[in-house]
PDB file of all heavy atoms in Angstrom:
ATOM      1  N   SER A   1       0.180   8.066  -1.993  1.00  0.00           N
ATOM      2  CA  SER A   1       0.509   8.998  -3.050  1.00  0.00           C
ATOM      3  C   SER A   1       1.107   8.304  -4.269  1.00  0.00           C
ATOM      4  O   SER A   1       1.566   7.103  -4.230  1.00  0.00           O
ATOM      5  CB  SER A   1       1.474  10.091  -2.561  1.00  0.00           C
ATOM      6  OG  SER A   1       2.793   9.549  -2.453  1.00  0.00           O
ATOM      7  N   ALA A   2       1.095   8.994  -5.369  1.00  0.00           N
ATOM      8  CA  ALA A   2       1.682   8.470  -6.609  1.00  0.00           C
ATOM      9  C   ALA A   2       3.139   8.118  -6.402  1.00  0.00           C
ATOM     10  O   ALA A   2       3.664   7.130  -7.030  1.00  0.00           O
ATOM     11  CB  ALA A   2       1.491   9.435  -7.785  1.00  0.00           C
ATOM     12  N   LYS A   3       3.887   8.860  -5.641  1.00  0.00           N
ATOM     13  CA  LYS A   3       5.271   8.581  -5.429  1.00  0.00           C
ATOM     14  C   LYS A   3       5.537   7.228  -4.670  1.00  0.00           C
ATOM     15  O   LYS A   3       6.495   6.573  -4.918  1.00  0.00           O
ATOM     16  CB  LYS A   3       5.945   9.693  -4.612  1.00  0.00           C
ATOM     17  CG  LYS A   3       6.067  10.986  -5.407  1.00  0.00           C
ATOM     18  CD  LYS A   3       6.758  12.092  -4.613  1.00  0.00           C
ATOM     19  CE  LYS A   3       6.840  13.382  -5.409  1.00  0.00           C
ATOM     20  NZ  LYS A   3       7.442  14.467  -4.698  1.00  0.00           N
ATOM     21  N   MET A   4       4.585   6.911  -3.797  1.00  0.00           N
ATOM     22  CA  MET A   4       4.690   5.674  -3.063  1.00  0.00           C
ATOM     23  C   MET A   4       4.476   4.470  -4.124  1.00  0.00           C
ATOM     24  O   MET A   4       5.176   3.486  -4.028  1.00  0.00           O
ATOM     25  CB  MET A   4       3.645   5.556  -1.986  1.00  0.00           C
ATOM     26  CG  MET A   4       3.935   6.570  -0.865  1.00  0.00           C
ATOM     27  SD  MET A   4       2.525   6.806   0.147  1.00  0.00           S
ATOM     28  CE  MET A   4       2.857   5.583   1.434  1.00  0.00           C
ATOM     29  N   ALA A   5       3.525   4.699  -5.069  1.00  0.00           N
ATOM     30  CA  ALA A   5       3.306   3.648  -6.053  1.00  0.00           C
ATOM     31  C   ALA A   5       4.494   3.489  -6.948  1.00  0.00           C
ATOM     32  O   ALA A   5       4.890   2.447  -7.323  1.00  0.00           O
ATOM     33  CB  ALA A   5       2.070   3.998  -6.887  1.00  0.00           C
ATOM     34  N   ALA A   6       5.200   4.603  -7.277  1.00  0.00           N
ATOM     35  CA  ALA A   6       6.317   4.622  -8.159  1.00  0.00           C
ATOM     36  C   ALA A   6       7.488   3.891  -7.493  1.00  0.00           C
ATOM     37  O   ALA A   6       8.362   3.358  -8.187  1.00  0.00           O
ATOM     38  CB  ALA A   6       6.730   6.047  -8.541  1.00  0.00           C
ATOM     39  N   ALA A   7       7.507   3.884  -6.144  1.00  0.00           N
ATOM     40  CA  ALA A   7       8.604   3.186  -5.426  1.00  0.00           C
ATOM     41  C   ALA A   7       8.343   1.666  -5.376  1.00  0.00           C
ATOM     42  O   ALA A   7       9.283   0.903  -4.929  1.00  0.00           O
ATOM     43  CB  ALA A   7       8.683   3.784  -4.047  1.00  0.00           C
ATOM     44  N   GLY A   8       7.243   1.212  -5.815  1.00  0.00           N
ATOM     45  CA  GLY A   8       7.000  -0.219  -5.847  1.00  0.00           C
ATOM     46  C   GLY A   8       6.612  -0.795  -4.515  1.00  0.00           C
ATOM     47  O   GLY A   8       6.746  -1.970  -4.184  1.00  0.00           O
ATOM     48  N   TRP A   9       6.091   0.034  -3.627  1.00  0.00           N
ATOM     49  CA  TRP A   9       5.714  -0.378  -2.302  1.00  0.00           C
ATOM     50  C   TRP A   9       4.569  -1.378  -2.256  1.00  0.00           C
ATOM     51  O   TRP A   9       4.410  -2.133  -1.291  1.00  0.00           O
ATOM     52  CB  TRP A   9       5.331   0.806  -1.415  1.00  0.00           C
ATOM     53  CG  TRP A   9       6.561   1.653  -1.048  1.00  0.00           C
ATOM     54  CD1 TRP A   9       7.842   1.588  -1.507  1.00  0.00           C
ATOM     55  CD2 TRP A   9       6.605   2.675  -0.080  1.00  0.00           C
ATOM     56  NE1 TRP A   9       8.650   2.453  -0.961  1.00  0.00           N
ATOM     57  CE2 TRP A   9       7.940   3.168  -0.025  1.00  0.00           C
ATOM     58  CE3 TRP A   9       5.674   3.212   0.784  1.00  0.00           C
ATOM     59  CZ2 TRP A   9       8.286   4.163   0.833  1.00  0.00           C
ATOM     60  CZ3 TRP A   9       6.052   4.273   1.612  1.00  0.00           C
ATOM     61  CH2 TRP A   9       7.331   4.685   1.618  1.00  0.00           C
ATOM     62  N   GLU A  10       3.690  -1.347  -3.366  1.00  0.00           N
ATOM     63  CA  GLU A  10       2.568  -2.278  -3.312  1.00  0.00           C
ATOM     64  C   GLU A  10       3.058  -3.721  -3.200  1.00  0.00           C
ATOM     65  O   GLU A  10       2.516  -4.504  -2.435  1.00  0.00           O
ATOM     66  CB  GLU A  10       1.740  -2.063  -4.630  1.00  0.00           C
ATOM     67  CG  GLU A  10       1.022  -0.782  -4.699  1.00  0.00           C
ATOM     68  CD  GLU A  10       1.810   0.227  -5.516  1.00  0.00           C
ATOM     69  OE1 GLU A  10       3.031   0.117  -5.595  1.00  0.00           O
ATOM     70  OE2 GLU A  10       1.113   1.160  -5.992  1.00  0.00           O
ATOM     71  N   GLY A  11       4.054  -4.085  -4.002  1.00  0.00           N
ATOM     72  CA  GLY A  11       4.541  -5.414  -3.937  1.00  0.00           C
ATOM     73  C   GLY A  11       5.156  -5.843  -2.656  1.00  0.00           C
ATOM     74  O   GLY A  11       5.114  -6.953  -2.274  1.00  0.00           O
ATOM     75  N   LEU A  12       5.731  -4.840  -1.924  1.00  0.00           N
ATOM     76  CA  LEU A  12       6.339  -5.124  -0.649  1.00  0.00           C
ATOM     77  C   LEU A  12       5.279  -5.282   0.434  1.00  0.00           C
ATOM     78  O   LEU A  12       5.581  -5.892   1.497  1.00  0.00           O
ATOM     79  CB  LEU A  12       7.316  -3.992  -0.235  1.00  0.00           C
ATOM     80  CG  LEU A  12       8.511  -3.812  -1.129  1.00  0.00           C
ATOM     81  CD1 LEU A  12       9.320  -2.571  -0.780  1.00  0.00           C
ATOM     82  CD2 LEU A  12       9.382  -5.052  -1.153  1.00  0.00           C
ATOM     83  N   LEU A  13       4.101  -4.692   0.277  1.00  0.00           N
ATOM     84  CA  LEU A  13       3.059  -4.807   1.290  1.00  0.00           C
ATOM     85  C   LEU A  13       1.971  -5.823   0.951  1.00  0.00           C
ATOM     86  O   LEU A  13       1.183  -6.196   1.784  1.00  0.00           O
ATOM     87  CB  LEU A  13       2.353  -3.439   1.391  1.00  0.00           C
ATOM     88  CG  LEU A  13       3.167  -2.339   2.105  1.00  0.00           C
ATOM     89  CD1 LEU A  13       2.443  -1.008   2.035  1.00  0.00           C
ATOM     90  CD2 LEU A  13       3.439  -2.677   3.529  1.00  0.00           C
ATOM     91  N   ARG A  14       1.952  -6.366  -0.269  1.00  0.00           N
ATOM     92  CA  ARG A  14       0.968  -7.289  -0.679  1.00  0.00           C
ATOM     93  C   ARG A  14       0.894  -8.513   0.228  1.00  0.00           C
ATOM     94  O   ARG A  14       1.919  -9.074   0.603  1.00  0.00           O
ATOM     95  CB  ARG A  14       1.179  -7.742  -2.163  1.00  0.00           C
ATOM     96  CG  ARG A  14       0.091  -8.547  -2.703  1.00  0.00           C
ATOM     97  CD  ARG A  14       0.279  -8.745  -4.202  1.00  0.00           C
ATOM     98  NE  ARG A  14      -0.102  -7.513  -4.875  1.00  0.00           N
ATOM     99  CZ  ARG A  14       0.770  -6.672  -5.578  1.00  0.00           C
ATOM    100  NH1 ARG A  14       2.012  -7.017  -5.677  1.00  0.00           N
ATOM    101  NH2 ARG A  14       0.310  -5.589  -6.126  1.00  0.00           N
ATOM    102  N   SER A  15      -0.303  -8.852   0.599  1.00  0.00           N
ATOM    103  CA  SER A  15      -0.582 -10.019   1.416  1.00  0.00           C
ATOM    104  C   SER A  15       0.047  -9.996   2.809  1.00  0.00           C
ATOM    105  O   SER A  15       0.535 -10.986   3.407  1.00  0.00           O
ATOM    106  CB  SER A  15      -0.119 -11.298   0.753  1.00  0.00           C
ATOM    107  OG  SER A  15      -0.837 -11.444  -0.422  1.00  0.00           O
ATOM    108  N   THR A  16       0.181  -8.741   3.384  1.00  0.00           N
ATOM    109  CA  THR A  16       0.712  -8.600   4.769  1.00  0.00           C
ATOM    110  C   THR A  16      -0.328  -7.893   5.615  1.00  0.00           C
ATOM    111  O   THR A  16      -1.210  -7.231   5.070  1.00  0.00           O
ATOM    112  CB  THR A  16       1.962  -7.726   4.762  1.00  0.00           C
ATOM    113  OG1 THR A  16       1.659  -6.349   4.294  1.00  0.00           O
ATOM    114  CG2 THR A  16       3.051  -8.252   3.802  1.00  0.00           C
ATOM    115  N   PRO A  17      -0.221  -8.053   6.900  1.00  0.00           N
ATOM    116  CA  PRO A  17      -1.185  -7.298   7.833  1.00  0.00           C
ATOM    117  C   PRO A  17      -1.114  -5.772   7.586  1.00  0.00           C
ATOM    118  O   PRO A  17      -2.138  -5.028   7.608  1.00  0.00           O
ATOM    119  CB  PRO A  17      -0.699  -7.663   9.226  1.00  0.00           C
ATOM    120  CG  PRO A  17      -0.107  -9.020   9.023  1.00  0.00           C
ATOM    121  CD  PRO A  17       0.589  -8.899   7.680  1.00  0.00           C
ATOM    122  N   ALA A  18       0.110  -5.233   7.361  1.00  0.00           N
ATOM    123  CA  ALA A  18       0.238  -3.838   7.079  1.00  0.00           C
ATOM    124  C   ALA A  18      -0.446  -3.431   5.790  1.00  0.00           C
ATOM    125  O   ALA A  18      -1.093  -2.404   5.716  1.00  0.00           O
ATOM    126  CB  ALA A  18       1.770  -3.413   7.117  1.00  0.00           C
ATOM    127  N   GLY A  19      -0.355  -4.274   4.780  1.00  0.00           N
ATOM    128  CA  GLY A  19      -0.988  -4.032   3.534  1.00  0.00           C
ATOM    129  C   GLY A  19      -2.487  -4.019   3.640  1.00  0.00           C
ATOM    130  O   GLY A  19      -3.233  -3.195   3.043  1.00  0.00           O
ATOM    131  N   THR A  20      -3.023  -4.925   4.437  1.00  0.00           N
ATOM    132  CA  THR A  20      -4.473  -4.949   4.688  1.00  0.00           C
ATOM    133  C   THR A  20      -4.901  -3.662   5.432  1.00  0.00           C
ATOM    134  O   THR A  20      -5.958  -3.154   5.026  1.00  0.00           O
ATOM    135  CB  THR A  20      -4.840  -6.171   5.544  1.00  0.00           C
ATOM    136  OG1 THR A  20      -4.459  -7.295   4.809  1.00  0.00           O
ATOM    137  CG2 THR A  20      -6.317  -6.209   5.878  1.00  0.00           C
ATOM    138  N   MET A  21      -4.148  -3.202   6.355  1.00  0.00           N
ATOM    139  CA  MET A  21      -4.430  -1.961   7.049  1.00  0.00           C
ATOM    140  C   MET A  21      -4.450  -0.796   6.117  1.00  0.00           C
ATOM    141  O   MET A  21      -5.339   0.097   6.159  1.00  0.00           O
ATOM    142  CB  MET A  21      -3.402  -1.723   8.145  1.00  0.00           C
ATOM    143  CG  MET A  21      -3.760  -0.581   9.061  1.00  0.00           C
ATOM    144  SD  MET A  21      -2.574  -0.375  10.409  1.00  0.00           S
ATOM    145  CE  MET A  21      -3.200  -1.688  11.465  1.00  0.00           C
ATOM    146  N   VAL A  22      -3.463  -0.761   5.172  1.00  0.00           N
ATOM    147  CA  VAL A  22      -3.396   0.331   4.190  1.00  0.00           C
ATOM    148  C   VAL A  22      -4.646   0.279   3.343  1.00  0.00           C
ATOM    149  O   VAL A  22      -5.240   1.371   3.123  1.00  0.00           O
ATOM    150  CB  VAL A  22      -2.124   0.214   3.331  1.00  0.00           C
ATOM    151  CG1 VAL A  22      -2.148   1.083   2.119  1.00  0.00           C
ATOM    152  CG2 VAL A  22      -0.873   0.538   4.166  1.00  0.00           C
ATOM    153  N   MET A  23      -5.039  -0.886   2.769  1.00  0.00           N
ATOM    154  CA  MET A  23      -6.150  -0.960   1.914  1.00  0.00           C
ATOM    155  C   MET A  23      -7.457  -0.426   2.599  1.00  0.00           C
ATOM    156  O   MET A  23      -8.312   0.158   1.990  1.00  0.00           O
ATOM    157  CB  MET A  23      -6.399  -2.379   1.415  1.00  0.00           C
ATOM    158  CG  MET A  23      -5.437  -2.793   0.322  1.00  0.00           C
ATOM    159  SD  MET A  23      -5.959  -4.350  -0.480  1.00  0.00           S
ATOM    160  CE  MET A  23      -6.192  -5.460   0.856  1.00  0.00           C
ATOM    161  N   LYS A  24      -7.635  -0.759   3.913  1.00  0.00           N
ATOM    162  CA  LYS A  24      -8.828  -0.430   4.593  1.00  0.00           C
ATOM    163  C   LYS A  24      -8.853   1.030   5.024  1.00  0.00           C
ATOM    164  O   LYS A  24      -9.959   1.593   5.207  1.00  0.00           O
ATOM    165  CB  LYS A  24      -8.974  -1.335   5.764  1.00  0.00           C
ATOM    166  CG  LYS A  24      -9.349  -2.768   5.485  1.00  0.00           C
ATOM    167  CD  LYS A  24      -9.498  -3.588   6.687  1.00  0.00           C
ATOM    168  CE  LYS A  24      -9.879  -5.031   6.366  1.00  0.00           C
ATOM    169  NZ  LYS A  24      -9.987  -5.849   7.507  1.00  0.00           N
ATOM    170  N   ASN A  25      -7.691   1.581   5.338  1.00  0.00           N
ATOM    171  CA  ASN A  25      -7.700   2.854   6.013  1.00  0.00           C
ATOM    172  C   ASN A  25      -7.153   4.073   5.315  1.00  0.00           C
ATOM    173  O   ASN A  25      -7.174   5.125   5.794  1.00  0.00           O
ATOM    174  CB  ASN A  25      -6.935   2.698   7.443  1.00  0.00           C
ATOM    175  CG  ASN A  25      -7.670   1.682   8.252  1.00  0.00           C
ATOM    176  OD1 ASN A  25      -8.799   1.811   8.646  1.00  0.00           O
ATOM    177  ND2 ASN A  25      -6.919   0.699   8.708  1.00  0.00           N
ATOM    178  N   TRP A  26      -6.410   3.795   4.184  1.00  0.00           N
ATOM    179  CA  TRP A  26      -5.725   4.873   3.523  1.00  0.00           C
ATOM    180  C   TRP A  26      -6.553   5.352   2.309  1.00  0.00           C
ATOM    181  O   TRP A  26      -7.151   4.550   1.609  1.00  0.00           O
ATOM    182  CB  TRP A  26      -4.366   4.493   3.046  1.00  0.00           C
ATOM    183  CG  TRP A  26      -3.355   4.285   4.152  1.00  0.00           C
ATOM    184  CD1 TRP A  26      -3.539   3.662   5.396  1.00  0.00           C
ATOM    185  CD2 TRP A  26      -1.973   4.621   4.076  1.00  0.00           C
ATOM    186  NE1 TRP A  26      -2.402   3.635   6.050  1.00  0.00           N
ATOM    187  CE2 TRP A  26      -1.387   4.222   5.307  1.00  0.00           C
ATOM    188  CE3 TRP A  26      -1.166   5.263   3.133  1.00  0.00           C
ATOM    189  CZ2 TRP A  26      -0.014   4.416   5.623  1.00  0.00           C
ATOM    190  CZ3 TRP A  26       0.145   5.390   3.423  1.00  0.00           C
ATOM    191  CH2 TRP A  26       0.704   4.983   4.636  1.00  0.00           C
ATOM    192  N   LYS A  27      -6.496   6.648   2.050  1.00  0.00           N
ATOM    193  CA  LYS A  27      -7.156   7.201   0.853  1.00  0.00           C
ATOM    194  C   LYS A  27      -6.234   6.828  -0.343  1.00  0.00           C
ATOM    195  O   LYS A  27      -5.022   6.819  -0.252  1.00  0.00           O
ATOM    196  CB  LYS A  27      -7.164   8.774   0.920  1.00  0.00           C
ATOM    197  CG  LYS A  27      -8.099   9.295   1.962  1.00  0.00           C
ATOM    198  CD  LYS A  27      -8.131  10.780   1.855  1.00  0.00           C
ATOM    199  CE  LYS A  27      -8.123  11.459   3.221  1.00  0.00           C
ATOM    200  NZ  LYS A  27      -8.023  12.902   3.191  1.00  0.00           N
ATOM    201  N   ASN A  28      -6.888   6.553  -1.468  1.00  0.00           N
ATOM    202  CA  ASN A  28      -6.159   6.253  -2.736  1.00  0.00           C
ATOM    203  C   ASN A  28      -5.315   4.946  -2.661  1.00  0.00           C
ATOM    204  O   ASN A  28      -4.334   4.834  -3.361  1.00  0.00           O
ATOM    205  CB  ASN A  28      -5.318   7.394  -3.228  1.00  0.00           C
ATOM    206  CG  ASN A  28      -6.125   8.684  -3.401  1.00  0.00           C
ATOM    207  OD1 ASN A  28      -7.313   8.627  -3.808  1.00  0.00           O
ATOM    208  ND2 ASN A  28      -5.565   9.805  -3.148  1.00  0.00           N
ATOM    209  N   ALA A  29      -5.632   4.139  -1.689  1.00  0.00           N
ATOM    210  CA  ALA A  29      -4.745   2.905  -1.493  1.00  0.00           C
ATOM    211  C   ALA A  29      -4.932   1.945  -2.641  1.00  0.00           C
ATOM    212  O   ALA A  29      -6.009   1.831  -3.215  1.00  0.00           O
ATOM    213  CB  ALA A  29      -5.196   2.218  -0.280  1.00  0.00           C
TER     214      ALA A  29
END
């Protein structure tokens, strides 16, 4: 969601296994 982006979570997940999972499996990732 937009609120997750506003929290800056992208930077915390970048280049991590969890971040890869989010990119592949979440809508609007």
